[in-house]
């Protein structure tokens, strides 16, 4: 099988794991939904290899502004939808495929005014949809315990309590309103990183971004929505960037493929629902050496793919069942 043709060189960023994703879902035809449209890399890739139409969904209006110069080239083959992918079954039904590229896009990171980056000074925002609660709201209004929970459960930051305590102490003197102000507080709480280690603020910024945008809840609801929106034989492809996301996708696909087994072997067998998915990728697919050389951002990316069966959509499962973190008092 030959590699798929990637999008043209004028794309604003390099889509992660595009080639292995397209190989996993080939042959591509019919109607697809790109639930994380971003800079349009996956949408273009799908159209280039045979998709008849792609619904491009994004909650960030900037994504559609940036797509304006090229999206008209595809005419009616692209339909842009401003919204969240957890409602994709309201936007389209009987889909041949759904692709999700999780996490923050490079175009958001590159804009200091969006407040996602600890490397650039800007307002402490992090809102993908540009409305609702911001990171500054959390940092300046949440309790010390709530901030520590967010950093620990969403960012996997082991020094979460120390950082939360420092944030609360500093905000009593003056509100924390910029990315670099928060970064400086975090840096003082942690040792200087050794060569090759990530920046000290990486995990804290990840945790805040996930909380601001309800990313884990969105992923959980989005996979359920994909199950309802895909037709029999339709494909669900998800690219994750850290262990919690990958765990959620893995457990969801395994659960819906009937591969979880009995927790207690002495318990009586319970009637199982028909599997709603079958696994296409038994193990997560990562970047090869060529992609790593061109796009270091792909280092932590993992791809998982499953195919929709003939079974009707199953009952909703709990987020806890697939390893979705929850904060105290929130499930």
C-alpha atoms as a PDB file:
ATOM      1  CA  UNK A   1       0.000   0.000   0.000  1.00  0.00           C
ATOM      2  CA  UNK A   2       1.411   3.360  -0.958  1.00  0.00           C
ATOM      3  CA  UNK A   3       1.490   6.348   1.341  1.00  0.00           C
ATOM      4  CA  UNK A   4      -1.325   8.822   0.967  1.00  0.00           C
ATOM      5  CA  UNK A   5      -0.623  12.216  -0.515  1.00  0.00           C
ATOM      6  CA  UNK A   6      -0.335  14.808   2.275  1.00  0.00           C
ATOM      7  CA  UNK A   7      -1.949  18.222   2.131  1.00  0.00           C
ATOM      8  CA  UNK A   8      -0.221  20.925   0.151  1.00  0.00           C
ATOM      9  CA  UNK A   9       2.841  22.711   1.503  1.00  0.00           C
ATOM     10  CA  UNK A  10       0.963  25.923   2.254  1.00  0.00           C
ATOM     11  CA  UNK A  11      -0.787  24.301   5.209  1.00  0.00           C
ATOM     12  CA  UNK A  12       0.018  26.308   8.384  1.00  0.00           C
ATOM     13  CA  UNK A  13       1.232  23.292  10.340  1.00  0.00           C
ATOM     14  CA  UNK A  14       2.136  19.628   9.898  1.00  0.00           C
ATOM     15  CA  UNK A  15      -0.723  17.211  10.738  1.00  0.00           C
ATOM     16  CA  UNK A  16       0.524  14.612  13.214  1.00  0.00           C
ATOM     17  CA  UNK A  17       0.345  10.932  12.172  1.00  0.00           C
ATOM     18  CA  UNK A  18      -1.522  11.835   8.972  1.00  0.00           C
ATOM     19  CA  UNK A  19       0.119   9.166   6.803  1.00  0.00           C
ATOM     20  CA  UNK A  20      -0.427   6.242   9.222  1.00  0.00           C
ATOM     21  CA  UNK A  21      -3.967   7.446   9.881  1.00  0.00           C
ATOM     22  CA  UNK A  22      -4.809   7.478   6.185  1.00  0.00           C
ATOM     23  CA  UNK A  23      -3.193   4.052   5.722  1.00  0.00           C
ATOM     24  CA  UNK A  24      -5.324   2.689   8.566  1.00  0.00           C
ATOM     25  CA  UNK A  25      -8.608   3.922   7.073  1.00  0.00           C
ATOM     26  CA  UNK A  26      -7.897   3.312   3.350  1.00  0.00           C
ATOM     27  CA  UNK A  27      -9.817   3.069   1.091  1.00  0.00           C
ATOM     28  CA  UNK A  28     -11.382   6.414   1.951  1.00  0.00           C
ATOM     29  CA  UNK A  29     -14.751   7.286   0.438  1.00  0.00           C
ATOM     30  CA  UNK A  30     -18.107   8.733   1.398  1.00  0.00           C
ATOM     31  CA  UNK A  31     -18.801  11.266   4.141  1.00  0.00           C
ATOM     32  CA  UNK A  32     -16.354  11.959   6.956  1.00  0.00           C
ATOM     33  CA  UNK A  33     -16.264  14.267   9.962  1.00  0.00           C
ATOM     34  CA  UNK A  34     -13.086  15.933  11.182  1.00  0.00           C
ATOM     35  CA  UNK A  35     -14.043  16.805  14.748  1.00  0.00           C
ATOM     36  CA  UNK A  36     -10.908  18.864  15.415  1.00  0.00           C
ATOM     37  CA  UNK A  37     -10.601  20.836  12.173  1.00  0.00           C
ATOM     38  CA  UNK A  38      -7.825  23.169  13.388  1.00  0.00           C
ATOM     39  CA  UNK A  39      -5.641  24.120  10.425  1.00  0.00           C
ATOM     40  CA  UNK A  40      -7.479  21.630   8.208  1.00  0.00           C
ATOM     41  CA  UNK A  41      -4.665  19.089   7.787  1.00  0.00           C
ATOM     42  CA  UNK A  42      -6.748  15.956   8.287  1.00  0.00           C
ATOM     43  CA  UNK A  43      -9.638  17.343   6.265  1.00  0.00           C
ATOM     44  CA  UNK A  44      -7.376  18.063   3.308  1.00  0.00           C
ATOM     45  CA  UNK A  45      -5.728  14.673   3.622  1.00  0.00           C
ATOM     46  CA  UNK A  46      -9.075  12.863   3.584  1.00  0.00           C
ATOM     47  CA  UNK A  47     -10.304  14.838   0.576  1.00  0.00           C
ATOM     48  CA  UNK A  48      -7.076  14.182  -1.347  1.00  0.00           C
ATOM     49  CA  UNK A  49      -7.403  10.399  -0.971  1.00  0.00           C
ATOM     50  CA  UNK A  50     -11.071  10.035  -1.858  1.00  0.00           C
ATOM     51  CA  UNK A  51     -13.540  11.360   0.699  1.00  0.00           C
ATOM     52  CA  UNK A  52     -16.611  12.721  -1.064  1.00  0.00           C
ATOM     53  CA  UNK A  53     -17.314  15.210   1.708  1.00  0.00           C
ATOM     54  CA  UNK A  54     -15.813  16.227   5.053  1.00  0.00           C
ATOM     55  CA  UNK A  55     -17.605  18.059   7.841  1.00  0.00           C
ATOM     56  CA  UNK A  56     -14.977  20.227   9.565  1.00  0.00           C
ATOM     57  CA  UNK A  57     -15.963  20.855  13.183  1.00  0.00           C
ATOM     58  CA  UNK A  58     -14.134  23.251  15.511  1.00  0.00           C
ATOM     59  CA  UNK A  59     -15.127  25.404  18.474  1.00  0.00           C
ATOM     60  CA  UNK A  60     -12.438  27.962  17.719  1.00  0.00           C
ATOM     61  CA  UNK A  61     -13.708  30.574  15.215  1.00  0.00           C
ATOM     62  CA  UNK A  62     -10.092  31.398  14.352  1.00  0.00           C
ATOM     63  CA  UNK A  63      -9.804  28.013  12.615  1.00  0.00           C
ATOM     64  CA  UNK A  64     -12.369  29.033  10.009  1.00  0.00           C
ATOM     65  CA  UNK A  65     -10.848  32.477   9.519  1.00  0.00           C
ATOM     66  CA  UNK A  66      -7.514  30.852   8.736  1.00  0.00           C
ATOM     67  CA  UNK A  67      -9.142  28.345   6.366  1.00  0.00           C
ATOM     68  CA  UNK A  68     -10.863  31.031   4.291  1.00  0.00           C
ATOM     69  CA  UNK A  69      -8.078  31.362   1.653  1.00  0.00           C
ATOM     70  CA  UNK A  70      -8.229  27.687   0.627  1.00  0.00           C
ATOM     71  CA  UNK A  71     -11.474  26.095   1.783  1.00  0.00           C
ATOM     72  CA  UNK A  72     -13.476  27.364  -1.215  1.00  0.00           C
ATOM     73  CA  UNK A  73     -11.191  25.333  -3.511  1.00  0.00           C
ATOM     74  CA  UNK A  74     -13.092  22.220  -2.394  1.00  0.00           C
ATOM     75  CA  UNK A  75     -16.565  23.669  -2.897  1.00  0.00           C
ATOM     76  CA  UNK A  76     -19.398  21.631  -1.438  1.00  0.00           C
ATOM     77  CA  UNK A  77     -16.995  18.855  -0.456  1.00  0.00           C
ATOM     78  CA  UNK A  78     -16.253  20.753   2.800  1.00  0.00           C
ATOM     79  CA  UNK A  79     -18.915  21.873   5.251  1.00  0.00           C
ATOM     80  CA  UNK A  80     -17.609  23.867   8.210  1.00  0.00           C
ATOM     81  CA  UNK A  81     -19.433  23.663  11.542  1.00  0.00           C
ATOM     82  CA  UNK A  82     -18.609  25.880  14.515  1.00  0.00           C
ATOM     83  CA  UNK A  83     -19.290  23.678  17.495  1.00  0.00           C
ATOM     84  CA  UNK A  84     -17.975  20.875  19.682  1.00  0.00           C
ATOM     85  CA  UNK A  85     -17.329  17.351  18.449  1.00  0.00           C
ATOM     86  CA  UNK A  86     -19.272  15.910  21.389  1.00  0.00           C
ATOM     87  CA  UNK A  87     -22.382  16.997  19.445  1.00  0.00           C
ATOM     88  CA  UNK A  88     -21.252  15.572  16.104  1.00  0.00           C
ATOM     89  CA  UNK A  89     -24.287  13.312  15.853  1.00  0.00           C
ATOM     90  CA  UNK A  90     -26.395  16.483  15.718  1.00  0.00           C
ATOM     91  CA  UNK A  91     -24.354  17.757  12.752  1.00  0.00           C
ATOM     92  CA  UNK A  92     -24.285  14.588  10.637  1.00  0.00           C
ATOM     93  CA  UNK A  93     -25.449  10.969  10.613  1.00  0.00           C
ATOM     94  CA  UNK A  94     -24.524   7.767   8.741  1.00  0.00           C
ATOM     95  CA  UNK A  95     -20.902   8.829   8.490  1.00  0.00           C
ATOM     96  CA  UNK A  96     -18.228   6.699   6.841  1.00  0.00           C
ATOM     97  CA  UNK A  97     -15.591   7.950   9.256  1.00  0.00           C
ATOM     98  CA  UNK A  98     -14.688  10.273  12.122  1.00  0.00           C
ATOM     99  CA  UNK A  99     -11.202  11.593  12.918  1.00  0.00           C
ATOM    100  CA  UNK A 100     -10.177  13.383  16.115  1.00  0.00           C
ATOM    101  CA  UNK A 101      -6.786  15.016  16.734  1.00  0.00           C
ATOM    102  CA  UNK A 102      -6.824  15.907  20.422  1.00  0.00           C
ATOM    103  CA  UNK A 103      -5.037  18.659  22.282  1.00  0.00           C
ATOM    104  CA  UNK A 104      -4.099  22.224  21.463  1.00  0.00           C
ATOM    105  CA  UNK A 105      -3.176  23.111  17.895  1.00  0.00           C
ATOM    106  CA  UNK A 106       0.076  24.774  16.889  1.00  0.00           C
ATOM    107  CA  UNK A 107      -1.821  27.790  15.547  1.00  0.00           C
ATOM    108  CA  UNK A 108      -3.217  28.386  19.055  1.00  0.00           C
ATOM    109  CA  UNK A 109       0.168  27.926  20.713  1.00  0.00           C
ATOM    110  CA  UNK A 110       1.793  30.338  18.266  1.00  0.00           C
ATOM    111  CA  UNK A 111      -0.552  33.200  19.164  1.00  0.00           C
ATOM    112  CA  UNK A 112       0.577  34.775  22.434  1.00  0.00           C
ATOM    113  CA  UNK A 113      -2.782  36.512  22.825  1.00  0.00           C
ATOM    114  CA  UNK A 114      -4.557  33.147  23.192  1.00  0.00           C
ATOM    115  CA  UNK A 115      -2.640  32.421  26.399  1.00  0.00           C
ATOM    116  CA  UNK A 116      -1.816  28.761  25.782  1.00  0.00           C
ATOM    117  CA  UNK A 117       1.977  29.039  25.774  1.00  0.00           C
ATOM    118  CA  UNK A 118       4.271  29.400  28.774  1.00  0.00           C
ATOM    119  CA  UNK A 119       7.012  30.529  26.362  1.00  0.00           C
ATOM    120  CA  UNK A 120       5.249  33.710  25.202  1.00  0.00           C
ATOM    121  CA  UNK A 121       3.786  36.506  27.294  1.00  0.00           C
ATOM    122  CA  UNK A 122       0.070  37.007  26.857  1.00  0.00           C
ATOM    123  CA  UNK A 123      -3.212  37.107  28.752  1.00  0.00           C
ATOM    124  CA  UNK A 124      -3.829  33.970  30.817  1.00  0.00           C
ATOM    125  CA  UNK A 125      -6.728  32.763  28.692  1.00  0.00           C
ATOM    126  CA  UNK A 126      -6.539  29.229  27.130  1.00  0.00           C
ATOM    127  CA  UNK A 127     -10.163  29.186  25.908  1.00  0.00           C
ATOM    128  CA  UNK A 128     -10.487  27.335  22.616  1.00  0.00           C
ATOM    129  CA  UNK A 129     -13.967  28.712  22.000  1.00  0.00           C
ATOM    130  CA  UNK A 130     -12.955  32.183  23.213  1.00  0.00           C
ATOM    131  CA  UNK A 131     -15.851  32.338  25.667  1.00  0.00           C
ATOM    132  CA  UNK A 132     -16.634  31.059  29.151  1.00  0.00           C
ATOM    133  CA  UNK A 133     -14.258  30.635  32.083  1.00  0.00           C
ATOM    134  CA  UNK A 134     -10.598  31.441  31.403  1.00  0.00           C
ATOM    135  CA  UNK A 135      -7.427  30.103  33.002  1.00  0.00           C
ATOM    136  CA  UNK A 136      -7.071  33.426  34.809  1.00  0.00           C
ATOM    137  CA  UNK A 137     -10.510  32.918  36.343  1.00  0.00           C
ATOM    138  CA  UNK A 138      -9.443  29.547  37.752  1.00  0.00           C
ATOM    139  CA  UNK A 139      -6.051  30.729  38.966  1.00  0.00           C
ATOM    140  CA  UNK A 140      -7.470  33.795  40.725  1.00  0.00           C
ATOM    141  CA  UNK A 141     -10.818  32.493  42.002  1.00  0.00           C
ATOM    142  CA  UNK A 142     -10.586  28.731  42.647  1.00  0.00           C
ATOM    143  CA  UNK A 143      -9.601  27.434  46.061  1.00  0.00           C
ATOM    144  CA  UNK A 144      -6.118  26.091  46.727  1.00  0.00           C
ATOM    145  CA  UNK A 145      -7.513  22.541  46.846  1.00  0.00           C
ATOM    146  CA  UNK A 146      -9.332  22.962  43.531  1.00  0.00           C
ATOM    147  CA  UNK A 147      -6.218  24.297  41.802  1.00  0.00           C
ATOM    148  CA  UNK A 148      -4.108  21.453  43.211  1.00  0.00           C
ATOM    149  CA  UNK A 149      -6.675  18.902  41.985  1.00  0.00           C
ATOM    150  CA  UNK A 150      -6.643  20.369  38.483  1.00  0.00           C
ATOM    151  CA  UNK A 151      -2.852  20.349  38.268  1.00  0.00           C
ATOM    152  CA  UNK A 152      -2.568  16.824  39.672  1.00  0.00           C
ATOM    153  CA  UNK A 153      -5.461  15.003  37.970  1.00  0.00           C
ATOM    154  CA  UNK A 154      -5.448  16.842  34.639  1.00  0.00           C
ATOM    155  CA  UNK A 155      -1.790  17.818  34.339  1.00  0.00           C
ATOM    156  CA  UNK A 156      -0.231  14.881  36.223  1.00  0.00           C
ATOM    157  CA  UNK A 157       1.888  17.403  38.119  1.00  0.00           C
ATOM    158  CA  UNK A 158       3.347  15.759  41.231  1.00  0.00           C
ATOM    159  CA  UNK A 159       4.167  19.123  42.836  1.00  0.00           C
ATOM    160  CA  UNK A 160       0.557  20.284  42.455  1.00  0.00           C
ATOM    161  CA  UNK A 161       0.013  21.201  46.103  1.00  0.00           C
ATOM    162  CA  UNK A 162       3.223  23.225  46.301  1.00  0.00           C
ATOM    163  CA  UNK A 163       2.356  25.102  43.109  1.00  0.00           C
ATOM    164  CA  UNK A 164      -1.263  25.703  44.164  1.00  0.00           C
ATOM    165  CA  UNK A 165      -0.085  27.078  47.503  1.00  0.00           C
ATOM    166  CA  UNK A 166       2.313  29.456  45.731  1.00  0.00           C
ATOM    167  CA  UNK A 167      -0.410  30.609  43.323  1.00  0.00           C
ATOM    168  CA  UNK A 168      -2.812  31.437  46.165  1.00  0.00           C
ATOM    169  CA  UNK A 169      -0.060  33.254  48.070  1.00  0.00           C
ATOM    170  CA  UNK A 170       0.954  35.357  45.056  1.00  0.00           C
ATOM    171  CA  UNK A 171      -2.587  36.262  44.001  1.00  0.00           C
ATOM    172  CA  UNK A 172      -3.244  37.883  47.379  1.00  0.00           C
ATOM    173  CA  UNK A 173      -0.699  40.545  46.441  1.00  0.00           C
ATOM    174  CA  UNK A 174      -1.930  41.019  42.863  1.00  0.00           C
ATOM    175  CA  UNK A 175      -4.099  39.077  40.391  1.00  0.00           C
ATOM    176  CA  UNK A 176      -2.206  36.630  38.139  1.00  0.00           C
ATOM    177  CA  UNK A 177      -3.258  37.711  34.662  1.00  0.00           C
ATOM    178  CA  UNK A 178      -0.462  36.771  32.244  1.00  0.00           C
ATOM    179  CA  UNK A 179       1.155  33.551  31.102  1.00  0.00           C
ATOM    180  CA  UNK A 180       4.666  34.573  32.063  1.00  0.00           C
ATOM    181  CA  UNK A 181       3.556  35.692  35.536  1.00  0.00           C
ATOM    182  CA  UNK A 182       2.149  32.204  36.149  1.00  0.00           C
ATOM    183  CA  UNK A 183       5.188  30.573  34.568  1.00  0.00           C
ATOM    184  CA  UNK A 184       7.496  32.450  36.934  1.00  0.00           C
ATOM    185  CA  UNK A 185       5.518  31.256  39.968  1.00  0.00           C
ATOM    186  CA  UNK A 186       5.720  27.652  38.790  1.00  0.00           C
ATOM    187  CA  UNK A 187       9.421  27.864  37.979  1.00  0.00           C
ATOM    188  CA  UNK A 188      10.175  28.970  41.549  1.00  0.00           C
ATOM    189  CA  UNK A 189       8.419  25.863  42.878  1.00  0.00           C
ATOM    190  CA  UNK A 190      10.382  23.318  40.831  1.00  0.00           C
ATOM    191  CA  UNK A 191      14.041  22.521  40.210  1.00  0.00           C
ATOM    192  CA  UNK A 192      15.695  23.767  37.045  1.00  0.00           C
ATOM    193  CA  UNK A 193      15.129  21.159  34.310  1.00  0.00           C
ATOM    194  CA  UNK A 194      18.044  19.061  33.103  1.00  0.00           C
ATOM    195  CA  UNK A 195      18.895  18.962  29.374  1.00  0.00           C
ATOM    196  CA  UNK A 196      16.175  17.110  27.500  1.00  0.00           C
ATOM    197  CA  UNK A 197      13.553  17.541  30.223  1.00  0.00           C
ATOM    198  CA  UNK A 198      10.333  19.423  29.620  1.00  0.00           C
ATOM    199  CA  UNK A 199       9.773  22.967  30.858  1.00  0.00           C
ATOM    200  CA  UNK A 200       8.648  23.115  34.523  1.00  0.00           C
ATOM    201  CA  UNK A 201       5.338  24.750  33.547  1.00  0.00           C
ATOM    202  CA  UNK A 202       4.388  22.113  30.955  1.00  0.00           C
ATOM    203  CA  UNK A 203       2.182  19.955  33.173  1.00  0.00           C
ATOM    204  CA  UNK A 204       0.526  22.846  35.006  1.00  0.00           C
ATOM    205  CA  UNK A 205      -0.387  24.603  31.770  1.00  0.00           C
ATOM    206  CA  UNK A 206      -1.719  21.309  30.392  1.00  0.00           C
ATOM    207  CA  UNK A 207      -3.904  20.796  33.454  1.00  0.00           C
ATOM    208  CA  UNK A 208      -5.337  24.311  33.323  1.00  0.00           C
ATOM    209  CA  UNK A 209      -6.007  24.092  29.577  1.00  0.00           C
ATOM    210  CA  UNK A 210      -7.828  20.784  30.003  1.00  0.00           C
ATOM    211  CA  UNK A 211      -9.942  22.218  32.835  1.00  0.00           C
ATOM    212  CA  UNK A 212     -10.798  25.412  30.945  1.00  0.00           C
ATOM    213  CA  UNK A 213     -11.957  23.486  27.870  1.00  0.00           C
ATOM    214  CA  UNK A 214     -13.374  20.387  29.622  1.00  0.00           C
ATOM    215  CA  UNK A 215     -11.228  18.299  27.288  1.00  0.00           C
ATOM    216  CA  UNK A 216     -11.697  14.958  29.053  1.00  0.00           C
ATOM    217  CA  UNK A 217     -15.462  15.379  29.235  1.00  0.00           C
ATOM    218  CA  UNK A 218     -15.490  16.427  25.594  1.00  0.00           C
ATOM    219  CA  UNK A 219     -13.488  13.332  24.591  1.00  0.00           C
ATOM    220  CA  UNK A 220     -15.746  11.002  26.559  1.00  0.00           C
ATOM    221  CA  UNK A 221     -18.942  12.484  25.126  1.00  0.00           C
ATOM    222  CA  UNK A 222     -17.348  12.729  21.670  1.00  0.00           C
ATOM    223  CA  UNK A 223     -16.615   9.008  21.441  1.00  0.00           C
ATOM    224  CA  UNK A 224     -20.202   8.247  22.457  1.00  0.00           C
ATOM    225  CA  UNK A 225     -21.432  10.702  19.807  1.00  0.00           C
ATOM    226  CA  UNK A 226     -19.210   9.058  17.171  1.00  0.00           C
ATOM    227  CA  UNK A 227     -20.792   5.704  17.983  1.00  0.00           C
ATOM    228  CA  UNK A 228     -24.201   7.219  17.270  1.00  0.00           C
ATOM    229  CA  UNK A 229     -23.094   9.087  14.130  1.00  0.00           C
ATOM    230  CA  UNK A 230     -21.145   6.347  12.330  1.00  0.00           C
ATOM    231  CA  UNK A 231     -22.869   3.932  10.002  1.00  0.00           C
ATOM    232  CA  UNK A 232     -22.048   0.195  10.086  1.00  0.00           C
ATOM    233  CA  UNK A 233     -18.501  -0.181   8.769  1.00  0.00           C
ATOM    234  CA  UNK A 234     -17.669   3.431   9.587  1.00  0.00           C
ATOM    235  CA  UNK A 235     -14.287   4.156  11.154  1.00  0.00           C
ATOM    236  CA  UNK A 236     -13.316   6.084  14.268  1.00  0.00           C
ATOM    237  CA  UNK A 237      -9.681   7.286  14.331  1.00  0.00           C
ATOM    238  CA  UNK A 238      -8.337   9.175  17.351  1.00  0.00           C
ATOM    239  CA  UNK A 239      -4.893  10.747  17.804  1.00  0.00           C
ATOM    240  CA  UNK A 240      -3.911  11.432  21.419  1.00  0.00           C
ATOM    241  CA  UNK A 241      -0.935  13.256  22.922  1.00  0.00           C
ATOM    242  CA  UNK A 242      -0.659  12.079  26.510  1.00  0.00           C
ATOM    243  CA  UNK A 243      -1.268   9.003  28.622  1.00  0.00           C
ATOM    244  CA  UNK A 244      -4.657   9.912  30.103  1.00  0.00           C
ATOM    245  CA  UNK A 245      -6.229  10.613  26.700  1.00  0.00           C
ATOM    246  CA  UNK A 246      -4.759   7.409  25.258  1.00  0.00           C
ATOM    247  CA  UNK A 247      -6.025   5.402  28.236  1.00  0.00           C
ATOM    248  CA  UNK A 248      -9.537   6.768  27.769  1.00  0.00           C
ATOM    249  CA  UNK A 249      -9.579   5.989  24.038  1.00  0.00           C
ATOM    250  CA  UNK A 250      -8.070   2.528  24.543  1.00  0.00           C
ATOM    251  CA  UNK A 251     -10.539   1.551  27.268  1.00  0.00           C
ATOM    252  CA  UNK A 252     -13.523   2.961  25.377  1.00  0.00           C
ATOM    253  CA  UNK A 253     -12.667   1.028  22.223  1.00  0.00           C
ATOM    254  CA  UNK A 254     -11.931  -2.151  24.165  1.00  0.00           C
ATOM    255  CA  UNK A 255     -15.158  -1.822  26.134  1.00  0.00           C
ATOM    256  CA  UNK A 256     -17.269  -1.262  23.025  1.00  0.00           C
ATOM    257  CA  UNK A 257     -15.491  -4.130  21.266  1.00  0.00           C
ATOM    258  CA  UNK A 258     -16.420  -6.485  24.127  1.00  0.00           C
ATOM    259  CA  UNK A 259     -12.828  -7.013  25.200  1.00  0.00           C
ATOM    260  CA  UNK A 260     -12.969  -5.996  28.861  1.00  0.00           C
ATOM    261  CA  UNK A 261     -13.844  -9.415  30.314  1.00  0.00           C
ATOM    262  CA  UNK A 262     -15.284 -10.189  33.744  1.00  0.00           C
ATOM    263  CA  UNK A 263     -13.701  -8.244  36.593  1.00  0.00           C
ATOM    264  CA  UNK A 264     -14.537 -11.079  39.041  1.00  0.00           C
ATOM    265  CA  UNK A 265     -14.211 -14.600  37.659  1.00  0.00           C
ATOM    266  CA  UNK A 266     -16.412 -15.975  40.469  1.00  0.00           C
ATOM    267  CA  UNK A 267     -19.263 -13.586  39.717  1.00  0.00           C
ATOM    268  CA  UNK A 268     -22.117 -14.881  37.551  1.00  0.00           C
ATOM    269  CA  UNK A 269     -21.954 -14.045  33.864  1.00  0.00           C
ATOM    270  CA  UNK A 270     -23.966 -10.976  32.989  1.00  0.00           C
ATOM    271  CA  UNK A 271     -25.637 -10.476  29.665  1.00  0.00           C
ATOM    272  CA  UNK A 272     -23.304  -8.486  27.429  1.00  0.00           C
ATOM    273  CA  UNK A 273     -24.328  -5.933  24.848  1.00  0.00           C
ATOM    274  CA  UNK A 274     -23.398  -6.627  21.262  1.00  0.00           C
ATOM    275  CA  UNK A 275     -20.041  -5.068  20.409  1.00  0.00           C
ATOM    276  CA  UNK A 276     -20.511  -1.705  18.707  1.00  0.00           C
ATOM    277  CA  UNK A 277     -16.906  -1.509  17.475  1.00  0.00           C
ATOM    278  CA  UNK A 278     -14.186  -3.877  16.336  1.00  0.00           C
ATOM    279  CA  UNK A 279     -10.560  -2.933  16.855  1.00  0.00           C
ATOM    280  CA  UNK A 280      -8.501  -2.106  13.765  1.00  0.00           C
ATOM    281  CA  UNK A 281      -5.313  -1.164  15.621  1.00  0.00           C
ATOM    282  CA  UNK A 282      -4.563  -3.726  18.349  1.00  0.00           C
ATOM    283  CA  UNK A 283      -1.838  -1.462  19.696  1.00  0.00           C
ATOM    284  CA  UNK A 284      -1.425   2.282  19.465  1.00  0.00           C
ATOM    285  CA  UNK A 285       0.430   3.494  16.372  1.00  0.00           C
ATOM    286  CA  UNK A 286       3.167   6.072  16.895  1.00  0.00           C
ATOM    287  CA  UNK A 287       5.329   8.172  14.568  1.00  0.00           C
ATOM    288  CA  UNK A 288       8.156   6.607  12.579  1.00  0.00           C
ATOM    289  CA  UNK A 289      11.686   8.025  12.421  1.00  0.00           C
ATOM    290  CA  UNK A 290      10.944  10.038   9.283  1.00  0.00           C
ATOM    291  CA  UNK A 291       8.013  11.832  10.894  1.00  0.00           C
ATOM    292  CA  UNK A 292       9.953  12.487  14.085  1.00  0.00           C
ATOM    293  CA  UNK A 293      12.720  14.100  12.050  1.00  0.00           C
ATOM    294  CA  UNK A 294      10.278  16.407  10.257  1.00  0.00           C
ATOM    295  CA  UNK A 295       7.883  17.041  13.135  1.00  0.00           C
ATOM    296  CA  UNK A 296       9.222  16.575  16.697  1.00  0.00           C
ATOM    297  CA  UNK A 297       5.755  17.523  18.013  1.00  0.00           C
ATOM    298  CA  UNK A 298       4.617  14.037  16.986  1.00  0.00           C
ATOM    299  CA  UNK A 299       6.877  12.358  19.560  1.00  0.00           C
ATOM    300  CA  UNK A 300       4.106  11.619  22.077  1.00  0.00           C
ATOM    301  CA  UNK A 301       1.290  11.081  19.563  1.00  0.00           C
ATOM    302  CA  UNK A 302      -0.610   7.787  19.437  1.00  0.00           C
ATOM    303  CA  UNK A 303      -3.241   6.654  16.957  1.00  0.00           C
ATOM    304  CA  UNK A 304      -6.049   4.167  17.620  1.00  0.00           C
ATOM    305  CA  UNK A 305      -8.683   3.095  15.085  1.00  0.00           C
ATOM    306  CA  UNK A 306     -11.903   1.068  15.430  1.00  0.00           C
ATOM    307  CA  UNK A 307     -14.671   0.083  12.987  1.00  0.00           C
ATOM    308  CA  UNK A 308     -18.387   0.435  13.746  1.00  0.00           C
ATOM    309  CA  UNK A 309     -20.353  -2.799  13.743  1.00  0.00           C
ATOM    310  CA  UNK A 310     -23.978  -3.460  12.767  1.00  0.00           C
ATOM    311  CA  UNK A 311     -25.092  -3.325  16.425  1.00  0.00           C
ATOM    312  CA  UNK A 312     -27.200  -0.372  17.550  1.00  0.00           C
ATOM    313  CA  UNK A 313     -25.466   2.260  19.689  1.00  0.00           C
ATOM    314  CA  UNK A 314     -25.064   0.957  23.224  1.00  0.00           C
ATOM    315  CA  UNK A 315     -26.015   2.422  26.555  1.00  0.00           C
ATOM    316  CA  UNK A 316     -23.833   5.242  27.822  1.00  0.00           C
ATOM    317  CA  UNK A 317     -21.036   4.096  30.076  1.00  0.00           C
ATOM    318  CA  UNK A 318     -19.474   6.074  32.899  1.00  0.00           C
ATOM    319  CA  UNK A 319     -16.383   8.187  32.456  1.00  0.00           C
ATOM    320  CA  UNK A 320     -14.857   6.324  35.396  1.00  0.00           C
ATOM    321  CA  UNK A 321     -15.164   3.046  33.480  1.00  0.00           C
ATOM    322  CA  UNK A 322     -12.717   4.276  30.854  1.00  0.00           C
ATOM    323  CA  UNK A 323     -10.323   6.003  33.247  1.00  0.00           C
ATOM    324  CA  UNK A 324     -11.513   9.590  32.896  1.00  0.00           C
ATOM    325  CA  UNK A 325     -10.108  11.658  35.801  1.00  0.00           C
ATOM    326  CA  UNK A 326     -12.611  13.495  37.946  1.00  0.00           C
ATOM    327  CA  UNK A 327     -12.096  16.274  40.442  1.00  0.00           C
ATOM    328  CA  UNK A 328     -13.405  16.119  43.982  1.00  0.00           C
ATOM    329  CA  UNK A 329     -17.090  16.929  44.033  1.00  0.00           C
ATOM    330  CA  UNK A 330     -17.406  16.546  40.242  1.00  0.00           C
ATOM    331  CA  UNK A 331     -18.293  12.894  39.715  1.00  0.00           C
END
